[in-house]
Protein backbone atom coordinates (compact mmCIF):
# COMPACT_ATOMS: atom_id res chain seq x y z
CA UNK A 1 -128.03 56.85 -9.83
CA UNK A 2 -131.52 55.76 -8.80
CA UNK A 3 -133.44 57.78 -6.24
CA UNK A 4 -135.52 55.84 -3.74
CA UNK A 5 -138.96 56.70 -2.39
CA UNK A 6 -138.76 58.37 1.01
CA UNK A 7 -141.72 57.36 3.19
CA UNK A 8 -142.49 59.62 6.16
CA UNK A 9 -145.23 60.29 8.72
CA UNK A 10 -146.21 63.17 10.98
CA UNK A 11 -148.36 62.92 14.12
CA UNK A 12 -149.90 65.97 15.79
CA UNK A 13 -153.27 66.17 17.56
CA UNK A 14 -153.96 69.49 15.83
CA UNK A 15 -154.99 68.89 12.17
CA UNK A 16 -153.91 72.41 11.24
CA UNK A 17 -150.38 71.69 12.50
CA UNK A 18 -150.26 68.45 10.49
CA UNK A 19 -151.07 70.56 7.42
CA UNK A 20 -148.37 73.08 8.35
CA UNK A 21 -145.77 70.33 8.59
CA UNK A 22 -146.89 68.88 5.26
CA UNK A 23 -146.63 72.31 3.62
CA UNK A 24 -143.18 72.95 5.11
CA UNK A 25 -142.05 69.53 3.87
CA UNK A 26 -143.37 70.24 0.38
CA UNK A 27 -141.47 73.55 0.24
CA UNK A 28 -138.30 71.95 1.59
CA UNK A 29 -138.33 69.05 -0.86
CA UNK A 30 -138.90 71.43 -3.77
CA UNK A 31 -135.84 73.44 -2.74
CA UNK A 32 -133.81 70.23 -2.55
CA UNK A 33 -135.06 68.97 -5.91
CA UNK A 34 -136.68 65.92 -4.35
CA UNK A 35 -140.38 66.74 -4.67
CA UNK A 36 -141.32 63.71 -6.76
CA UNK A 37 -139.70 61.00 -4.64
CA UNK A 38 -141.35 61.17 -1.23
CA UNK A 39 -144.64 60.65 0.54
CA UNK A 40 -145.75 62.10 3.90
CA UNK A 41 -148.66 60.55 5.81
CA UNK A 42 -150.54 62.64 8.40
CA UNK A 43 -152.00 61.36 11.69
CA UNK A 44 -153.74 63.07 14.62
CA UNK A 45 -153.54 60.17 17.09
CA UNK A 46 -150.42 58.35 18.29
CA UNK A 47 -152.02 54.90 18.18
CA UNK A 48 -153.01 55.38 14.54
CA UNK A 49 -149.46 56.21 13.54
CA UNK A 50 -148.07 53.34 15.58
CA UNK A 51 -150.34 50.79 13.89
CA UNK A 52 -149.50 52.21 10.48
CA UNK A 53 -145.78 52.13 11.27
CA UNK A 54 -145.93 48.39 11.95
CA UNK A 55 -147.20 47.87 8.41
CA UNK A 56 -145.56 50.70 6.46
CA UNK A 57 -142.21 50.96 8.29
CA UNK A 58 -141.65 54.68 7.77
CA UNK A 59 -138.11 55.91 7.20
CA UNK A 60 -138.70 59.16 9.10
CA UNK A 61 -141.36 60.16 11.66
CA UNK A 62 -142.21 63.65 12.95
CA UNK A 63 -143.79 63.61 16.43
CA UNK A 64 -145.49 66.40 18.33
CA UNK A 65 -144.26 66.19 21.91
CA UNK A 66 -147.55 67.12 23.60
CA UNK A 67 -150.58 65.05 22.57
CA UNK A 68 -153.50 63.61 24.53
CA UNK A 69 -153.35 59.88 25.17
CA UNK A 70 -150.02 58.71 23.83
CA UNK A 71 -147.67 61.69 23.66
CA UNK A 72 -144.67 62.07 21.39
CA UNK A 73 -142.17 60.60 23.84
CA UNK A 74 -144.37 57.58 24.59
CA UNK A 75 -144.86 56.97 20.88
CA UNK A 76 -141.13 57.33 20.27
CA UNK A 77 -140.43 54.70 22.92
CA UNK A 78 -142.82 52.20 21.32
CA UNK A 79 -141.48 52.83 17.83
CA UNK A 80 -137.90 52.37 19.03
CA UNK A 81 -138.75 48.95 20.47
CA UNK A 82 -141.09 47.62 17.78
CA UNK A 83 -139.80 49.34 14.64
CA UNK A 84 -136.03 49.75 15.15
CA UNK A 85 -134.29 51.92 12.63
CA UNK A 86 -137.10 54.47 12.38
CA UNK A 87 -135.58 57.96 12.40
CA UNK A 88 -137.33 60.37 14.82
CA UNK A 89 -137.80 64.14 14.75
CA UNK A 90 -139.71 65.91 17.52
CA UNK A 91 -141.83 69.01 16.97
CA UNK A 92 -143.02 71.41 19.67
CA UNK A 93 -143.97 74.97 20.56
CA UNK A 94 -141.76 74.66 23.65
CA UNK A 95 -138.01 74.59 23.20
CA UNK A 96 -137.29 73.29 26.72
CA UNK A 97 -138.51 69.85 25.58
CA UNK A 98 -135.36 69.52 23.51
CA UNK A 99 -133.42 68.37 26.60
CA UNK A 100 -135.97 65.69 27.48
CA UNK A 101 -135.94 64.45 23.88
CA UNK A 102 -132.27 63.38 24.05
CA UNK A 103 -133.31 60.14 25.76
CA UNK A 104 -134.88 58.99 22.49
CA UNK A 105 -131.90 59.93 20.29
CA UNK A 106 -133.84 62.03 17.77
CA UNK A 107 -132.26 63.26 14.57
CA UNK A 108 -133.52 66.81 15.14
CA UNK A 109 -135.89 69.00 17.16
CA UNK A 110 -138.14 71.33 15.14
CA UNK A 111 -139.65 74.47 16.63
CA UNK A 112 -143.14 75.24 15.41
CA UNK A 113 -142.23 78.92 15.57
CA UNK A 114 -139.45 78.32 13.00
CA UNK A 115 -141.00 75.45 11.07
CA UNK A 116 -139.69 76.22 7.57
CA UNK A 117 -136.13 76.97 8.69
CA UNK A 118 -135.84 73.99 11.03
CA UNK A 119 -137.46 71.62 8.53
CA UNK A 120 -134.88 72.49 5.90
CA UNK A 121 -131.99 71.84 8.27
CA UNK A 122 -133.54 68.62 9.56
CA UNK A 123 -134.05 67.22 6.07
CA UNK A 124 -130.55 68.21 4.99
CA UNK A 125 -129.19 66.36 8.04
CA UNK A 126 -131.27 63.32 7.18
CA UNK A 127 -130.19 63.29 3.54
CA UNK A 128 -126.57 63.38 4.66
CA UNK A 129 -126.67 60.43 7.02
CA UNK A 130 -129.47 58.13 5.81
CA UNK A 131 -127.71 54.86 4.98
CA UNK A 132 -130.35 53.77 2.49
CA UNK A 133 -129.57 56.85 0.41
CA UNK A 134 -125.83 56.31 0.27
CA UNK A 135 -125.58 55.90 -3.47
CA UNK A 136 -122.52 55.10 -5.49
CA UNK A 137 -121.52 55.96 -9.02
CA UNK A 138 -119.12 54.17 -11.35
CA UNK A 139 -116.27 56.39 -12.49
CA UNK A 140 -113.18 55.86 -14.61
CA UNK A 141 -109.78 55.68 -12.91
CA UNK A 142 -107.22 55.41 -15.66
CA UNK A 143 -108.01 52.18 -17.52
CA UNK A 144 -110.23 50.77 -14.75
CA UNK A 145 -113.45 51.80 -13.00
CA UNK A 146 -114.19 52.50 -9.35
CA UNK A 147 -117.41 52.57 -7.34
CA UNK A 148 -117.44 55.90 -5.46
CA UNK A 149 -119.76 56.86 -2.61
CA UNK A 150 -121.64 60.04 -3.47
CA UNK A 151 -120.87 61.43 -0.01
CA UNK A 152 -117.13 61.14 -0.64
CA UNK A 153 -117.17 63.50 -3.63
CA UNK A 154 -115.58 66.82 -2.67
CA UNK A 155 -116.39 68.67 -5.90
CA UNK A 156 -116.91 68.16 -9.61
CA UNK A 157 -115.22 70.18 -12.34
CA UNK A 158 -116.49 70.37 -15.92
CA UNK A 159 -113.87 70.67 -18.65
CA UNK A 160 -114.24 70.00 -22.40
CA UNK A 161 -117.30 67.73 -22.10
CA UNK A 162 -115.63 65.81 -19.27
CA UNK A 163 -116.74 65.65 -15.63
CA UNK A 164 -113.77 65.48 -13.26
CA UNK A 165 -114.64 64.14 -9.80
CA UNK A 166 -112.35 64.98 -6.86
CA UNK A 167 -112.91 62.96 -3.69
CA UNK A 168 -111.99 63.65 -0.08
CA UNK A 169 -109.54 60.73 -0.30
CA UNK A 170 -107.65 62.56 -3.07
CA UNK A 171 -108.89 60.50 -6.02
CA UNK A 172 -109.36 62.13 -9.43
CA UNK A 173 -111.93 60.28 -11.54
CA UNK A 174 -113.52 61.15 -14.88
CA UNK A 175 -116.53 60.51 -17.05
CA UNK A 176 -118.16 62.17 -20.05
CA UNK A 177 -121.36 64.07 -19.39
CA UNK A 178 -123.19 67.32 -18.73
CA UNK A 179 -122.71 69.31 -15.52
CA UNK A 180 -126.31 70.52 -15.70
CA UNK A 181 -127.62 66.96 -15.79
CA UNK A 182 -125.31 65.93 -12.94
CA UNK A 183 -126.43 68.97 -10.94
CA UNK A 184 -130.03 67.78 -11.15
CA UNK A 185 -129.04 64.26 -10.06
CA UNK A 186 -126.96 65.40 -7.09
CA UNK A 187 -129.08 68.31 -5.82
CA UNK A 188 -131.01 66.14 -3.31
CA UNK A 189 -127.69 65.03 -1.79
CA UNK A 190 -126.41 68.50 -0.89
CA UNK A 191 -124.46 69.52 -4.00
CA UNK A 192 -124.41 73.15 -5.06
CA UNK A 193 -123.44 74.84 -8.36
CA UNK A 194 -121.01 77.62 -7.36
CA UNK A 195 -119.62 78.33 -10.86
CA UNK A 196 -120.53 77.41 -14.42
CA UNK A 197 -117.76 74.79 -14.24
CA UNK A 198 -117.93 73.68 -10.58
CA UNK A 199 -120.32 71.70 -8.42
CA UNK A 200 -119.40 71.33 -4.72
CA UNK A 201 -120.53 69.08 -1.89
CA UNK A 202 -121.95 71.45 0.71
CA UNK A 203 -121.01 69.23 3.63
CA UNK A 204 -117.33 70.02 2.93
CA UNK A 205 -117.67 73.80 2.56
CA UNK A 206 -115.50 75.52 5.17
CA UNK A 207 -115.85 79.16 4.17
CA UNK A 208 -117.26 81.45 1.47
CA UNK A 209 -114.59 83.93 0.43
CA UNK A 210 -114.67 86.87 -1.95
CA UNK A 211 -114.23 84.92 -5.19
CA UNK A 212 -113.70 81.36 -3.98
CA UNK A 213 -115.24 78.61 -1.91
CA UNK A 214 -112.89 77.04 0.63
CA UNK A 215 -113.47 73.30 0.97
CA UNK A 216 -112.21 70.58 3.28
CA UNK A 217 -108.46 70.06 3.03
CA UNK A 218 -107.79 73.71 2.10
CA UNK A 219 -109.08 73.07 -1.42
CA UNK A 220 -110.23 76.24 -3.18
CA UNK A 221 -112.82 76.37 -5.95
CA UNK A 222 -113.62 79.43 -8.04
CA UNK A 223 -117.04 81.00 -7.43
CA UNK A 224 -119.00 82.89 -10.08
CA UNK A 225 -119.80 86.50 -9.23
CA UNK A 226 -123.43 86.03 -10.22
CA UNK A 227 -123.75 83.04 -7.89
CA UNK A 228 -122.21 84.42 -4.68
CA UNK A 229 -125.47 85.72 -3.19
CA UNK A 230 -127.25 82.44 -3.83
CA UNK A 231 -124.34 80.41 -2.44
CA UNK A 232 -124.21 82.50 0.75
CA UNK A 233 -127.97 82.24 1.27
CA UNK A 234 -127.95 78.49 0.74
CA UNK A 235 -125.06 77.89 3.12
CA UNK A 236 -126.69 80.13 5.73
CA UNK A 237 -129.77 77.88 5.66
CA UNK A 238 -127.45 74.98 6.35
CA UNK A 239 -126.02 76.75 9.38
CA UNK A 240 -122.71 77.69 7.74
CA UNK A 241 -121.21 81.14 7.14
């Protein structure tokens, strides 16, 4: 599984707010295990970002709504026409702008008053749906091999040096390997170690119970006692439980 470089930009007329966004991004990417595979460019004028976007073609752009000259909505409109496919996230001190932002189909709306929290949720959402990050892995299915989308993996079980992959489609695929190594590979894509022998895809977590994690399809996975607090905190950041 090869990770790709994520290229992003932020535009805010206040240099101190550009720095705050960059710091929040750094903290978020560290938590997600993705700190070495991204770059974030800062701009204080909309025209500067727009010109750079024509050359660089950023994957993800963070736009302050209120800026002198070209504001965030005006910049979003130009980017949508000239650089289609650019993912947009608006940032503002004023939450009422969230309703006006719908016209530009943003991925998320980040409140400056809750920058760290909202940044984490926004980046998790992006990691889930970004088509260029939809990786596959080759796993054994009996005597043949299948290409499996990472997002379709429900959970992974480790047993006697073997990794057992269960998918949402009901497939059971195997390969030899280390769960610790796999955990490092899958961390940026929303996978969480809930037990010494289990790694789950957070997007399919339905409920955290006393000693188990309930997944999509009423599938239950054992949860380690020493990991429950961490699991609950992580899922809370994702807006679950």
